[in-house]
């Protein structure tokens, strides 16, 4: 569910690590990009203790089903 920018950050991070370049800021950016994905934030809320845990899980499940049902936009369909 994470966008291509997350993949690009992951690639940049691994390339920086491979050449021994400082990668702390890229590591932080990669983690933040994943946490910014709505499903990730919802999943973290489900893991929190509390009386509303099931309600948060329902919200997560609904979000995931909506994402699955939504048509995906590709570069080909954008160009067409």
C-alpha atoms as a PDB file:
ATOM      1  CA  UNK A   1       0.000   0.000   0.000  1.00  0.00           C
ATOM      2  CA  UNK A   2       2.973   2.273   0.322  1.00  0.00           C
ATOM      3  CA  UNK A   3       3.617   4.434  -2.700  1.00  0.00           C
ATOM      4  CA  UNK A   4       6.553   4.391  -5.076  1.00  0.00           C
ATOM      5  CA  UNK A   5       8.249   7.137  -3.086  1.00  0.00           C
ATOM      6  CA  UNK A   6       8.671   4.653  -0.231  1.00  0.00           C
ATOM      7  CA  UNK A   7      10.345   2.243  -2.624  1.00  0.00           C
ATOM      8  CA  UNK A   8      12.626   5.010  -3.826  1.00  0.00           C
ATOM      9  CA  UNK A   9      13.555   5.894  -0.243  1.00  0.00           C
ATOM     10  CA  UNK A  10      14.271   2.235   0.495  1.00  0.00           C
ATOM     11  CA  UNK A  11      16.492   2.028  -2.580  1.00  0.00           C
ATOM     12  CA  UNK A  12      18.372   5.210  -1.688  1.00  0.00           C
ATOM     13  CA  UNK A  13      18.825   4.030   1.889  1.00  0.00           C
ATOM     14  CA  UNK A  14      20.233   0.645   0.851  1.00  0.00           C
ATOM     15  CA  UNK A  15      22.518   2.245  -1.739  1.00  0.00           C
ATOM     16  CA  UNK A  16      23.852   4.663   0.879  1.00  0.00           C
ATOM     17  CA  UNK A  17      24.482   1.778   3.268  1.00  0.00           C
ATOM     18  CA  UNK A  18      26.215  -0.231   0.542  1.00  0.00           C
ATOM     19  CA  UNK A  19      28.751   2.508  -0.126  1.00  0.00           C
ATOM     20  CA  UNK A  20      29.214   3.416   3.512  1.00  0.00           C
ATOM     21  CA  UNK A  21      27.601   6.829   3.194  1.00  0.00           C
ATOM     22  CA  UNK A  22      25.793   8.395   6.154  1.00  0.00           C
ATOM     23  CA  UNK A  23      22.243   7.032   6.060  1.00  0.00           C
ATOM     24  CA  UNK A  24      20.671   8.171   9.330  1.00  0.00           C
ATOM     25  CA  UNK A  25      18.461  10.804   7.740  1.00  0.00           C
ATOM     26  CA  UNK A  26      17.366   8.379   5.027  1.00  0.00           C
ATOM     27  CA  UNK A  27      16.536   5.771   7.682  1.00  0.00           C
ATOM     28  CA  UNK A  28      14.364   8.302   9.482  1.00  0.00           C
ATOM     29  CA  UNK A  29      12.683   9.408   6.248  1.00  0.00           C
ATOM     30  CA  UNK A  30      11.974   5.792   5.292  1.00  0.00           C
ATOM     31  CA  UNK A  31      10.435   4.986   8.661  1.00  0.00           C
ATOM     32  CA  UNK A  32       8.353   8.174   8.612  1.00  0.00           C
ATOM     33  CA  UNK A  33       7.118   7.432   5.094  1.00  0.00           C
ATOM     34  CA  UNK A  34       5.859   4.035   6.254  1.00  0.00           C
ATOM     35  CA  UNK A  35       4.237   5.529   9.353  1.00  0.00           C
ATOM     36  CA  UNK A  36       2.508   8.114   7.158  1.00  0.00           C
ATOM     37  CA  UNK A  37       0.679   5.379   5.227  1.00  0.00           C
ATOM     38  CA  UNK A  38      -2.908   5.434   6.562  1.00  0.00           C
ATOM     39  CA  UNK A  39      -3.088   1.643   6.979  1.00  0.00           C
ATOM     40  CA  UNK A  40       0.105   1.655   9.048  1.00  0.00           C
ATOM     41  CA  UNK A  41      -1.192   4.368  11.349  1.00  0.00           C
ATOM     42  CA  UNK A  42      -4.482   2.510  11.758  1.00  0.00           C
ATOM     43  CA  UNK A  43      -2.671  -0.771  12.474  1.00  0.00           C
ATOM     44  CA  UNK A  44      -0.591   0.895  15.177  1.00  0.00           C
ATOM     45  CA  UNK A  45      -3.775   2.224  16.772  1.00  0.00           C
ATOM     46  CA  UNK A  46      -5.236  -1.310  16.793  1.00  0.00           C
ATOM     47  CA  UNK A  47      -2.182  -2.509  18.715  1.00  0.00           C
ATOM     48  CA  UNK A  48      -2.783   0.054  21.437  1.00  0.00           C
ATOM     49  CA  UNK A  49      -4.532  -1.271  24.499  1.00  0.00           C
ATOM     50  CA  UNK A  50      -7.934   0.103  25.331  1.00  0.00           C
ATOM     51  CA  UNK A  51     -11.624  -0.356  25.109  1.00  0.00           C
ATOM     52  CA  UNK A  52     -11.870   0.924  21.518  1.00  0.00           C
ATOM     53  CA  UNK A  53      -9.436  -1.589  20.050  1.00  0.00           C
ATOM     54  CA  UNK A  54     -12.110  -3.501  18.124  1.00  0.00           C
ATOM     55  CA  UNK A  55     -13.559  -0.287  16.713  1.00  0.00           C
ATOM     56  CA  UNK A  56     -10.087   0.659  15.461  1.00  0.00           C
ATOM     57  CA  UNK A  57      -9.666  -2.822  13.942  1.00  0.00           C
ATOM     58  CA  UNK A  58     -12.989  -2.404  12.135  1.00  0.00           C
ATOM     59  CA  UNK A  59     -11.800   0.939  10.798  1.00  0.00           C
ATOM     60  CA  UNK A  60      -8.563  -0.703   9.611  1.00  0.00           C
ATOM     61  CA  UNK A  61     -10.397  -3.576   7.919  1.00  0.00           C
ATOM     62  CA  UNK A  62     -12.790  -1.190   6.180  1.00  0.00           C
ATOM     63  CA  UNK A  63      -9.886   0.950   4.992  1.00  0.00           C
ATOM     64  CA  UNK A  64      -8.074  -2.077   3.569  1.00  0.00           C
ATOM     65  CA  UNK A  65     -11.191  -3.286   1.763  1.00  0.00           C
ATOM     66  CA  UNK A  66     -11.788   0.176   0.315  1.00  0.00           C
ATOM     67  CA  UNK A  67      -8.200   0.277  -0.926  1.00  0.00           C
ATOM     68  CA  UNK A  68      -8.574  -3.143  -2.518  1.00  0.00           C
ATOM     69  CA  UNK A  69     -11.803  -2.094  -4.259  1.00  0.00           C
ATOM     70  CA  UNK A  70     -10.446   1.236  -5.513  1.00  0.00           C
ATOM     71  CA  UNK A  71      -9.135   1.231  -9.080  1.00  0.00           C
ATOM     72  CA  UNK A  72      -5.377   1.582  -9.254  1.00  0.00           C
ATOM     73  CA  UNK A  73      -3.904   4.481 -11.202  1.00  0.00           C
ATOM     74  CA  UNK A  74      -0.933   3.524 -13.348  1.00  0.00           C
ATOM     75  CA  UNK A  75       1.353   5.602 -15.475  1.00  0.00           C
ATOM     76  CA  UNK A  76      -0.215   4.044 -18.593  1.00  0.00           C
ATOM     77  CA  UNK A  77      -3.744   5.053 -17.581  1.00  0.00           C
ATOM     78  CA  UNK A  78      -2.537   8.549 -16.729  1.00  0.00           C
ATOM     79  CA  UNK A  79      -0.941   8.921 -20.147  1.00  0.00           C
ATOM     80  CA  UNK A  80      -3.982   7.531 -21.992  1.00  0.00           C
END
